[in-house]
């Protein structure tokens, strides 16, 4: 990917992260916590991808995004160590929400996880800003 391509992909990913956050919040308000969790996960996923793109990485899968993010951002201490666990929890919720008919979500959990996703996206957005200075 070219430098301009990375810049464009980064902006696109951040826009998707924002859209997913708005969706997660809306689903929380509408009393649809299962769907809110999936949107919260995708918000963080797109933000992570944005940072990886701006830093020259090109992950090809969900696992690749998470692995590269943990390796290049969490492990060096650029974000709090518990970030990896927060991402893993969101990913597990997303998988359960998408594939388990019996998955039931407490609305408070969805609201809390959506708030956590908002905070994490804001943190990642700041890292993207620093990387583009």
Protein backbone atom coordinates (compact mmCIF):
# COMPACT_ATOMS: atom_id res chain seq x y z
CA UNK A 1 0.00 0.00 0.00
CA UNK A 2 1.34 3.43 -0.89
CA UNK A 3 1.72 6.24 1.62
CA UNK A 4 -1.36 7.97 0.19
CA UNK A 5 -3.22 4.67 0.26
CA UNK A 6 -2.36 4.18 3.94
CA UNK A 7 -3.50 7.72 4.70
CA UNK A 8 -6.82 7.16 2.93
CA UNK A 9 -7.33 3.72 4.49
CA UNK A 10 -6.63 5.17 7.93
CA UNK A 11 -9.22 7.91 7.48
CA UNK A 12 -11.76 5.38 6.17
CA UNK A 13 -11.18 3.05 9.12
CA UNK A 14 -11.57 5.88 11.64
CA UNK A 15 -14.83 6.92 9.96
CA UNK A 16 -16.06 3.33 10.24
CA UNK A 17 -15.04 3.23 13.91
CA UNK A 18 -17.08 6.36 14.57
CA UNK A 19 -20.07 4.94 12.70
CA UNK A 20 -19.90 1.69 14.65
CA UNK A 21 -19.73 3.61 17.95
CA UNK A 22 -22.82 5.59 17.02
CA UNK A 23 -24.55 2.31 16.16
CA UNK A 24 -23.51 0.68 19.43
CA UNK A 25 -24.84 3.62 21.44
CA UNK A 26 -28.09 3.64 19.48
CA UNK A 27 -28.59 -0.09 20.03
CA UNK A 28 -27.97 0.34 23.76
CA UNK A 29 -30.63 3.07 23.86
CA UNK A 30 -33.05 0.91 21.84
CA UNK A 31 -32.67 -1.98 24.28
CA UNK A 32 -30.77 -4.19 21.83
CA UNK A 33 -27.67 -5.07 23.86
CA UNK A 34 -26.60 -8.09 21.80
CA UNK A 35 -26.29 -6.00 18.65
CA UNK A 36 -24.69 -3.14 20.61
CA UNK A 37 -21.84 -5.47 21.61
CA UNK A 38 -21.15 -6.47 18.03
CA UNK A 39 -20.99 -2.84 16.96
CA UNK A 40 -18.73 -1.95 19.90
CA UNK A 41 -16.31 -4.70 18.86
CA UNK A 42 -16.24 -3.49 15.26
CA UNK A 43 -15.62 0.09 16.37
CA UNK A 44 -12.46 -1.02 18.16
CA UNK A 45 -11.50 -3.32 15.28
CA UNK A 46 -11.66 -0.48 12.75
CA UNK A 47 -9.72 1.86 15.04
CA UNK A 48 -7.00 -0.75 15.51
CA UNK A 49 -6.80 -1.23 11.76
CA UNK A 50 -6.50 2.53 11.25
CA UNK A 51 -3.50 2.69 13.56
CA UNK A 52 -1.87 -0.32 11.97
CA UNK A 53 -2.33 1.12 8.48
CA UNK A 54 -0.85 4.50 9.42
CA UNK A 55 2.15 2.68 10.90
CA UNK A 56 2.73 0.67 7.72
CA UNK A 57 1.15 -2.67 8.65
CA UNK A 58 -1.36 -4.44 6.42
CA UNK A 59 -3.27 -7.03 8.45
CA UNK A 60 -5.36 -9.43 6.40
CA UNK A 61 -7.70 -10.92 9.02
CA UNK A 62 -9.35 -10.20 12.37
CA UNK A 63 -6.72 -12.37 14.02
CA UNK A 64 -3.99 -10.50 12.16
CA UNK A 65 -5.32 -7.12 13.33
CA UNK A 66 -5.44 -8.25 16.94
CA UNK A 67 -2.04 -9.96 16.79
CA UNK A 68 -0.30 -6.96 15.19
CA UNK A 69 -2.02 -4.53 17.55
CA UNK A 70 -0.94 -6.54 20.59
CA UNK A 71 2.60 -6.90 19.25
CA UNK A 72 3.11 -3.28 18.18
CA UNK A 73 0.91 -1.32 20.57
CA UNK A 74 0.04 -3.30 23.71
CA UNK A 75 3.32 -5.14 24.28
CA UNK A 76 5.51 -1.99 24.03
CA UNK A 77 3.21 -0.30 26.58
CA UNK A 78 1.70 2.32 24.29
CA UNK A 79 -1.71 1.51 25.80
CA UNK A 80 -2.55 0.02 29.20
CA UNK A 81 -1.80 -3.71 29.53
CA UNK A 82 -5.47 -4.52 30.16
CA UNK A 83 -6.27 -3.34 26.62
CA UNK A 84 -5.56 -6.79 25.23
CA UNK A 85 -8.05 -8.35 27.65
CA UNK A 86 -10.65 -5.68 26.81
CA UNK A 87 -10.30 -6.45 23.10
CA UNK A 88 -10.48 -10.20 23.70
CA UNK A 89 -13.63 -9.73 25.79
CA UNK A 90 -15.28 -7.64 23.08
CA UNK A 91 -14.29 -10.21 20.46
CA UNK A 92 -15.79 -13.03 22.54
CA UNK A 93 -19.01 -11.08 23.02
CA UNK A 94 -19.17 -10.40 19.29
CA UNK A 95 -18.69 -14.06 18.43
CA UNK A 96 -21.30 -15.18 20.95
CA UNK A 97 -23.75 -12.51 19.78
CA UNK A 98 -23.29 -13.49 16.14
CA UNK A 99 -23.28 -17.27 16.46
CA UNK A 100 -25.02 -18.34 19.68
CA UNK A 101 -28.81 -18.29 19.59
CA UNK A 102 -28.88 -18.66 23.37
CA UNK A 103 -26.58 -15.71 24.07
CA UNK A 104 -28.29 -13.27 26.44
CA UNK A 105 -26.76 -9.92 27.33
CA UNK A 106 -27.42 -7.78 30.36
CA UNK A 107 -28.19 -4.26 29.07
CA UNK A 108 -25.80 -2.77 31.67
CA UNK A 109 -22.98 -4.95 30.37
CA UNK A 110 -23.64 -3.72 26.84
CA UNK A 111 -23.70 -0.11 28.01
CA UNK A 112 -20.45 -0.56 29.97
CA UNK A 113 -18.71 -2.32 27.08
CA UNK A 114 -19.87 0.37 24.66
CA UNK A 115 -18.42 3.03 26.96
CA UNK A 116 -15.18 1.04 27.16
CA UNK A 117 -15.07 0.81 23.36
CA UNK A 118 -15.57 4.58 23.08
CA UNK A 119 -12.65 5.17 25.43
CA UNK A 120 -10.42 2.70 23.58
CA UNK A 121 -11.25 4.21 20.19
CA UNK A 122 -10.39 7.67 21.57
CA UNK A 123 -7.05 6.35 22.84
CA UNK A 124 -6.26 4.73 19.49
CA UNK A 125 -7.34 7.87 17.64
CA UNK A 126 -4.78 9.84 19.68
CA UNK A 127 -2.07 7.32 18.69
CA UNK A 128 -3.07 7.80 15.05
CA UNK A 129 -2.75 11.59 15.48
CA UNK A 130 0.71 11.17 16.99
CA UNK A 131 1.76 8.87 14.16
CA UNK A 132 0.69 11.40 11.53
CA UNK A 133 2.54 14.41 12.99
